[in-house]
């Protein structure tokens, strides 16, 4: 017989990411962040490969990344507006966790499943932060997909890439509810 957890289901049915621009001080301490990080590491991981790792970015590191974005943007032909937006993702933040996909050689687990596992870590980290009462947002953007930025700003190896940045802080203002998908339009039931 199933053991329902109605509180967990109610949370999942009502969870809502918080726009990064609405997040401010304070941020979780290392002690407060530890169980959130631990929860994220319990994500599905076919083959027990652990095809991911986490980099916790505190304020000074985020300011450094903002400078890296400003330096890298022109070389990629990014507009001033695109650079400013990417810069603010880091420059306005106080705490973020970079989820790094680490591809591992495996005959059993194809690379795409390892990518999905890294995405699951992002979502688990986001939900863990929200469930702990913090505001949180999962961001990526052009800088996170640039190899040079990944290598110079975060020291990533050739077999690693950024799955996302999870910003965690105190929510300063609640965003309005947004439309949600209509289950009738996107769920198909197959009986035979």
Protein backbone atom coordinates (compact mmCIF):
# COMPACT_ATOMS: atom_id res chain seq x y z
CA UNK A 1 0.00 0.00 0.00
CA UNK A 2 1.41 3.43 -0.93
CA UNK A 3 2.46 5.80 1.84
CA UNK A 4 1.26 9.20 0.58
CA UNK A 5 3.01 12.40 1.54
CA UNK A 6 0.29 15.03 0.98
CA UNK A 7 2.51 17.91 2.10
CA UNK A 8 5.17 17.05 -0.48
CA UNK A 9 2.54 16.71 -3.22
CA UNK A 10 0.90 20.01 -2.21
CA UNK A 11 4.32 21.69 -2.44
CA UNK A 12 4.97 20.27 -5.92
CA UNK A 13 1.51 21.32 -7.11
CA UNK A 14 2.07 24.89 -5.94
CA UNK A 15 5.83 25.39 -6.35
CA UNK A 16 6.95 28.46 -8.23
CA UNK A 17 10.39 29.66 -9.22
CA UNK A 18 11.15 33.20 -8.14
CA UNK A 19 12.65 35.60 -10.68
CA UNK A 20 16.31 36.16 -9.83
CA UNK A 21 15.79 39.94 -9.90
CA UNK A 22 13.38 39.61 -6.94
CA UNK A 23 15.97 37.85 -4.76
CA UNK A 24 18.03 39.68 -2.15
CA UNK A 25 19.73 39.37 1.20
CA UNK A 26 19.99 37.40 3.31
CA UNK A 27 21.12 34.21 1.60
CA UNK A 28 21.42 30.81 3.26
CA UNK A 29 24.48 30.19 5.38
CA UNK A 30 26.69 27.24 4.53
CA UNK A 31 24.94 25.28 7.28
CA UNK A 32 21.50 26.16 5.91
CA UNK A 33 22.59 25.38 2.35
CA UNK A 34 24.08 21.95 3.20
CA UNK A 35 20.78 19.97 3.36
CA UNK A 36 19.56 21.66 0.15
CA UNK A 37 22.74 20.58 -1.63
CA UNK A 38 22.43 17.08 -0.16
CA UNK A 39 18.83 16.82 -1.40
CA UNK A 40 19.98 17.75 -4.91
CA UNK A 41 22.58 14.99 -4.87
CA UNK A 42 19.81 12.42 -4.36
CA UNK A 43 18.68 12.96 -7.96
CA UNK A 44 18.20 10.02 -10.35
CA UNK A 45 21.60 8.79 -11.43
CA UNK A 46 21.52 5.78 -13.74
CA UNK A 47 24.56 3.60 -13.23
CA UNK A 48 25.66 5.56 -10.14
CA UNK A 49 27.97 7.63 -12.34
CA UNK A 50 27.44 10.94 -10.55
CA UNK A 51 27.71 12.80 -13.87
CA UNK A 52 27.61 16.19 -12.15
CA UNK A 53 29.22 18.32 -9.50
CA UNK A 54 28.30 21.57 -7.78
CA UNK A 55 30.15 24.87 -7.46
CA UNK A 56 28.76 27.21 -4.80
CA UNK A 57 29.31 30.81 -5.92
CA UNK A 58 29.37 33.41 -3.19
CA UNK A 59 29.20 37.19 -3.73
CA UNK A 60 32.83 37.90 -4.70
CA UNK A 61 32.85 34.97 -7.13
CA UNK A 62 29.61 36.20 -8.70
CA UNK A 63 31.10 39.68 -9.17
CA UNK A 64 34.12 38.08 -10.88
CA UNK A 65 31.76 36.15 -13.19
CA UNK A 66 29.94 39.41 -14.01
CA UNK A 67 33.29 40.88 -15.11
CA UNK A 68 34.05 37.73 -17.16
CA UNK A 69 30.70 38.13 -18.96
CA UNK A 70 31.49 41.76 -19.77
CA UNK A 71 34.87 40.75 -21.17
CA UNK A 72 33.59 37.77 -23.15
CA UNK A 73 30.40 39.25 -24.65
CA UNK A 74 31.99 41.49 -27.29
CA UNK A 75 34.16 38.62 -28.58
CA UNK A 76 30.95 36.65 -29.20
CA UNK A 77 29.25 39.57 -30.94
CA UNK A 78 26.72 40.03 -28.14
CA UNK A 79 24.84 43.32 -28.02
CA UNK A 80 25.28 45.76 -25.14
CA UNK A 81 21.79 44.81 -23.97
CA UNK A 82 22.60 41.07 -23.99
CA UNK A 83 25.84 41.68 -22.11
CA UNK A 84 24.13 43.89 -19.52
CA UNK A 85 21.43 41.26 -18.93
CA UNK A 86 23.97 38.44 -18.54
CA UNK A 87 26.17 40.62 -16.34
CA UNK A 88 23.26 41.42 -14.02
CA UNK A 89 22.52 37.69 -13.62
CA UNK A 90 25.80 37.46 -11.72
CA UNK A 91 26.43 41.04 -10.58
CA UNK A 92 23.07 41.43 -8.83
CA UNK A 93 23.20 37.99 -7.18
CA UNK A 94 24.46 37.12 -3.71
CA UNK A 95 24.52 33.30 -3.94
CA UNK A 96 24.21 30.83 -6.79
CA UNK A 97 25.09 27.19 -7.30
CA UNK A 98 26.51 26.16 -10.65
CA UNK A 99 25.43 22.64 -11.55
CA UNK A 100 28.16 21.18 -13.72
CA UNK A 101 27.46 18.25 -16.00
CA UNK A 102 30.45 15.90 -15.95
CA UNK A 103 30.21 13.36 -18.76
CA UNK A 104 31.55 9.95 -17.70
CA UNK A 105 32.48 7.11 -20.05
CA UNK A 106 29.85 4.39 -19.84
CA UNK A 107 28.65 1.63 -22.13
CA UNK A 108 25.45 1.38 -20.10
CA UNK A 109 24.43 5.03 -19.66
CA UNK A 110 24.43 7.15 -22.84
CA UNK A 111 25.51 10.81 -22.68
CA UNK A 112 21.94 12.09 -23.06
CA UNK A 113 20.86 10.26 -19.88
CA UNK A 114 23.79 11.83 -18.05
CA UNK A 115 22.59 15.24 -19.27
CA UNK A 116 19.08 14.45 -18.02
CA UNK A 117 20.57 13.50 -14.64
CA UNK A 118 22.35 16.88 -14.42
CA UNK A 119 19.05 18.57 -15.23
CA UNK A 120 17.41 16.56 -12.45
CA UNK A 121 20.04 17.91 -10.05
CA UNK A 122 19.14 21.46 -11.14
CA UNK A 123 15.45 20.87 -10.48
CA UNK A 124 16.06 19.09 -7.17
CA UNK A 125 18.30 21.96 -6.03
CA UNK A 126 15.68 24.51 -7.07
CA UNK A 127 12.88 22.63 -5.32
CA UNK A 128 15.00 21.97 -2.24
CA UNK A 129 15.68 25.69 -1.89
CA UNK A 130 12.00 26.56 -2.38
CA UNK A 131 10.88 23.87 0.07
CA UNK A 132 13.33 25.32 2.60
CA UNK A 133 11.61 28.70 2.35
CA UNK A 134 14.13 30.48 0.14
CA UNK A 135 13.43 32.12 -3.19
CA UNK A 136 15.19 30.35 -6.04
CA UNK A 137 15.58 30.49 -9.80
CA UNK A 138 17.28 28.27 -12.39
CA UNK A 139 19.08 30.34 -15.02
CA UNK A 140 21.42 29.62 -17.90
CA UNK A 141 21.93 32.11 -20.74
CA UNK A 142 24.49 32.59 -23.49
CA UNK A 143 27.50 32.74 -21.17
CA UNK A 144 26.73 29.32 -19.70
CA UNK A 145 26.90 27.78 -23.19
CA UNK A 146 30.22 29.38 -24.12
CA UNK A 147 33.23 27.03 -23.71
CA UNK A 148 35.67 29.86 -23.14
CA UNK A 149 33.53 31.35 -20.35
CA UNK A 150 33.07 27.89 -18.78
CA UNK A 151 36.81 27.24 -18.83
CA UNK A 152 38.06 30.67 -17.78
CA UNK A 153 35.33 31.66 -15.31
CA UNK A 154 34.77 28.29 -13.65
CA UNK A 155 37.81 26.23 -14.65
CA UNK A 156 35.73 23.53 -16.35
CA UNK A 157 37.40 20.68 -18.21
CA UNK A 158 36.65 19.64 -21.78
CA UNK A 159 34.26 16.91 -20.56
CA UNK A 160 32.25 19.36 -18.41
CA UNK A 161 29.58 21.93 -19.13
CA UNK A 162 27.23 24.18 -17.20
CA UNK A 163 23.75 22.68 -16.74
CA UNK A 164 22.49 25.77 -14.94
CA UNK A 165 22.94 28.35 -12.24
CA UNK A 166 20.52 28.04 -9.32
CA UNK A 167 20.18 31.39 -7.57
CA UNK A 168 19.10 31.12 -3.93
CA UNK A 169 18.26 34.06 -1.66
CA UNK A 170 15.42 35.80 0.14
CA UNK A 171 12.40 36.66 -1.94
CA UNK A 172 11.78 40.42 -1.81
CA UNK A 173 8.53 40.45 -3.78
CA UNK A 174 6.21 37.67 -4.90
CA UNK A 175 5.70 37.39 -8.66
CA UNK A 176 2.17 37.13 -10.02
CA UNK A 177 0.95 33.63 -10.80
CA UNK A 178 1.48 32.66 -14.40
CA UNK A 179 -0.57 30.42 -16.69
CA UNK A 180 0.21 26.73 -16.32
CA UNK A 181 -0.01 23.99 -18.97
CA UNK A 182 -3.43 22.49 -19.57
CA UNK A 183 -3.10 18.75 -18.79
CA UNK A 184 -5.88 17.96 -21.28
CA UNK A 185 -3.76 19.43 -24.08
CA UNK A 186 -0.45 17.69 -23.38
CA UNK A 187 -1.16 14.37 -21.67
CA UNK A 188 -1.95 11.29 -23.71
CA UNK A 189 -3.21 8.09 -22.06
CA UNK A 190 -2.38 4.80 -23.78
CA UNK A 191 -4.30 1.76 -22.58
CA UNK A 192 -3.33 -0.88 -25.10
